[in-house]
């Protein structure tokens, strides 16, 4: 089972920049970044209006979503990666 993490962001979003720094410095896992200013259809595809959003997908199915106001700490993100990669956490979505 393949775990993919997708970060949705916009150019003028300060919180997106903060999340980007957390991912760069505290998370050692590949992240797909989609800029909603440049890829407008992604907003509809991922059913989101606000950013930043961090989506965890396993085999193409969304299993977790962290949104603005939720815990964007490197520790929390790494914990979710380990749990989902190992298959020890059930899906919430």
C-alpha atoms as a PDB file:
ATOM      1  CA  UNK A   1       0.000   0.000   0.000  1.00  0.00           C
ATOM      2  CA  UNK A   2       1.366   3.347  -1.057  1.00  0.00           C
ATOM      3  CA  UNK A   3       1.060   6.429   1.160  1.00  0.00           C
ATOM      4  CA  UNK A   4       0.990   9.812  -0.569  1.00  0.00           C
ATOM      5  CA  UNK A   5       0.841  13.198   1.138  1.00  0.00           C
ATOM      6  CA  UNK A   6      -0.544  16.181  -0.757  1.00  0.00           C
ATOM      7  CA  UNK A   7      -0.166  19.778   0.398  1.00  0.00           C
ATOM      8  CA  UNK A   8      -2.674  22.268  -1.006  1.00  0.00           C
ATOM      9  CA  UNK A   9      -1.540  25.892  -0.871  1.00  0.00           C
ATOM     10  CA  UNK A  10      -1.958  29.358  -2.391  1.00  0.00           C
ATOM     11  CA  UNK A  11       0.607  32.031  -3.193  1.00  0.00           C
ATOM     12  CA  UNK A  12      -0.683  34.648  -0.729  1.00  0.00           C
ATOM     13  CA  UNK A  13      -1.129  32.299   2.255  1.00  0.00           C
ATOM     14  CA  UNK A  14       1.170  32.937   5.259  1.00  0.00           C
ATOM     15  CA  UNK A  15       0.069  29.710   6.972  1.00  0.00           C
ATOM     16  CA  UNK A  16       0.994  27.785   3.810  1.00  0.00           C
ATOM     17  CA  UNK A  17       4.519  29.157   4.016  1.00  0.00           C
ATOM     18  CA  UNK A  18       4.789  28.159   7.684  1.00  0.00           C
ATOM     19  CA  UNK A  19       3.554  24.638   6.890  1.00  0.00           C
ATOM     20  CA  UNK A  20       6.068  24.487   4.030  1.00  0.00           C
ATOM     21  CA  UNK A  21       8.913  25.260   6.451  1.00  0.00           C
ATOM     22  CA  UNK A  22       7.685  22.595   8.890  1.00  0.00           C
ATOM     23  CA  UNK A  23       7.546  20.016   6.098  1.00  0.00           C
ATOM     24  CA  UNK A  24      10.981  20.995   4.790  1.00  0.00           C
ATOM     25  CA  UNK A  25      12.758  20.973   8.149  1.00  0.00           C
ATOM     26  CA  UNK A  26      10.889  18.444  10.282  1.00  0.00           C
ATOM     27  CA  UNK A  27       9.326  15.868   7.951  1.00  0.00           C
ATOM     28  CA  UNK A  28      11.429  13.390   5.987  1.00  0.00           C
ATOM     29  CA  UNK A  29       8.805  12.119   3.550  1.00  0.00           C
ATOM     30  CA  UNK A  30       7.993  13.146  -0.038  1.00  0.00           C
ATOM     31  CA  UNK A  31       5.176  15.686  -0.283  1.00  0.00           C
ATOM     32  CA  UNK A  32       3.263  16.539  -3.454  1.00  0.00           C
ATOM     33  CA  UNK A  33       2.580  20.291  -3.460  1.00  0.00           C
ATOM     34  CA  UNK A  34      -0.377  21.643  -5.428  1.00  0.00           C
ATOM     35  CA  UNK A  35      -0.777  25.402  -5.731  1.00  0.00           C
ATOM     36  CA  UNK A  36      -4.483  26.207  -6.077  1.00  0.00           C
ATOM     37  CA  UNK A  37      -3.689  29.560  -7.743  1.00  0.00           C
ATOM     38  CA  UNK A  38      -1.988  27.654 -10.561  1.00  0.00           C
ATOM     39  CA  UNK A  39      -4.176  24.519 -10.615  1.00  0.00           C
ATOM     40  CA  UNK A  40      -7.734  25.791 -10.135  1.00  0.00           C
ATOM     41  CA  UNK A  41      -9.409  22.397 -10.772  1.00  0.00           C
ATOM     42  CA  UNK A  42      -7.595  20.914  -7.743  1.00  0.00           C
ATOM     43  CA  UNK A  43      -9.876  22.939  -5.464  1.00  0.00           C
ATOM     44  CA  UNK A  44     -12.861  21.007  -6.794  1.00  0.00           C
ATOM     45  CA  UNK A  45     -11.056  17.667  -6.978  1.00  0.00           C
ATOM     46  CA  UNK A  46     -10.010  17.849  -3.319  1.00  0.00           C
ATOM     47  CA  UNK A  47     -13.202  19.643  -2.195  1.00  0.00           C
ATOM     48  CA  UNK A  48     -11.438  22.474  -0.420  1.00  0.00           C
ATOM     49  CA  UNK A  49     -12.043  26.201  -0.082  1.00  0.00           C
ATOM     50  CA  UNK A  50      -9.410  27.160   2.511  1.00  0.00           C
ATOM     51  CA  UNK A  51      -5.703  26.456   2.705  1.00  0.00           C
ATOM     52  CA  UNK A  52      -3.367  25.085   3.816  1.00  0.00           C
ATOM     53  CA  UNK A  53      -4.581  21.514   3.663  1.00  0.00           C
ATOM     54  CA  UNK A  54      -2.510  18.383   4.089  1.00  0.00           C
ATOM     55  CA  UNK A  55      -4.148  15.263   2.627  1.00  0.00           C
ATOM     56  CA  UNK A  56      -2.986  11.723   3.318  1.00  0.00           C
ATOM     57  CA  UNK A  57      -3.944   9.190   0.633  1.00  0.00           C
ATOM     58  CA  UNK A  58      -3.339   5.471   0.604  1.00  0.00           C
ATOM     59  CA  UNK A  59      -3.692   3.773  -2.770  1.00  0.00           C
ATOM     60  CA  UNK A  60      -5.488   6.865  -4.099  1.00  0.00           C
ATOM     61  CA  UNK A  61      -8.068   6.996  -1.289  1.00  0.00           C
ATOM     62  CA  UNK A  62      -8.089   9.875   1.195  1.00  0.00           C
ATOM     63  CA  UNK A  63      -7.552   8.589   4.728  1.00  0.00           C
ATOM     64  CA  UNK A  64      -6.761  11.764   6.680  1.00  0.00           C
ATOM     65  CA  UNK A  65      -6.984  15.518   6.212  1.00  0.00           C
ATOM     66  CA  UNK A  66      -5.302  18.190   8.298  1.00  0.00           C
ATOM     67  CA  UNK A  67      -6.707  21.674   7.780  1.00  0.00           C
ATOM     68  CA  UNK A  68      -5.916  25.167   9.015  1.00  0.00           C
ATOM     69  CA  UNK A  69      -6.423  25.315  12.758  1.00  0.00           C
ATOM     70  CA  UNK A  70      -5.451  21.666  13.289  1.00  0.00           C
ATOM     71  CA  UNK A  71      -2.093  20.388  14.420  1.00  0.00           C
ATOM     72  CA  UNK A  72       0.493  21.127  11.733  1.00  0.00           C
ATOM     73  CA  UNK A  73       3.442  20.195  13.919  1.00  0.00           C
ATOM     74  CA  UNK A  74       6.243  18.093  12.479  1.00  0.00           C
ATOM     75  CA  UNK A  75       5.760  15.665  15.350  1.00  0.00           C
ATOM     76  CA  UNK A  76       2.067  15.135  14.549  1.00  0.00           C
ATOM     77  CA  UNK A  77       2.706  14.763  10.809  1.00  0.00           C
ATOM     78  CA  UNK A  78       5.543  12.266  11.368  1.00  0.00           C
ATOM     79  CA  UNK A  79       3.332  10.297  13.756  1.00  0.00           C
ATOM     80  CA  UNK A  80       0.600  10.039  11.109  1.00  0.00           C
ATOM     81  CA  UNK A  81       3.128   8.987   8.460  1.00  0.00           C
ATOM     82  CA  UNK A  82       4.419   6.174  10.655  1.00  0.00           C
ATOM     83  CA  UNK A  83       0.935   5.002  11.605  1.00  0.00           C
ATOM     84  CA  UNK A  84      -0.421   5.005   8.063  1.00  0.00           C
ATOM     85  CA  UNK A  85       2.724   3.600   6.481  1.00  0.00           C
ATOM     86  CA  UNK A  86       2.692   0.719   8.951  1.00  0.00           C
ATOM     87  CA  UNK A  87      -1.056   0.228   8.533  1.00  0.00           C
ATOM     88  CA  UNK A  88      -1.659   0.507  12.273  1.00  0.00           C
ATOM     89  CA  UNK A  89      -4.197   3.344  12.056  1.00  0.00           C
ATOM     90  CA  UNK A  90      -7.734   3.074  10.739  1.00  0.00           C
ATOM     91  CA  UNK A  91      -9.047   5.590   8.235  1.00  0.00           C
ATOM     92  CA  UNK A  92     -11.021   8.568   9.520  1.00  0.00           C
ATOM     93  CA  UNK A  93     -12.436   9.665   6.166  1.00  0.00           C
END
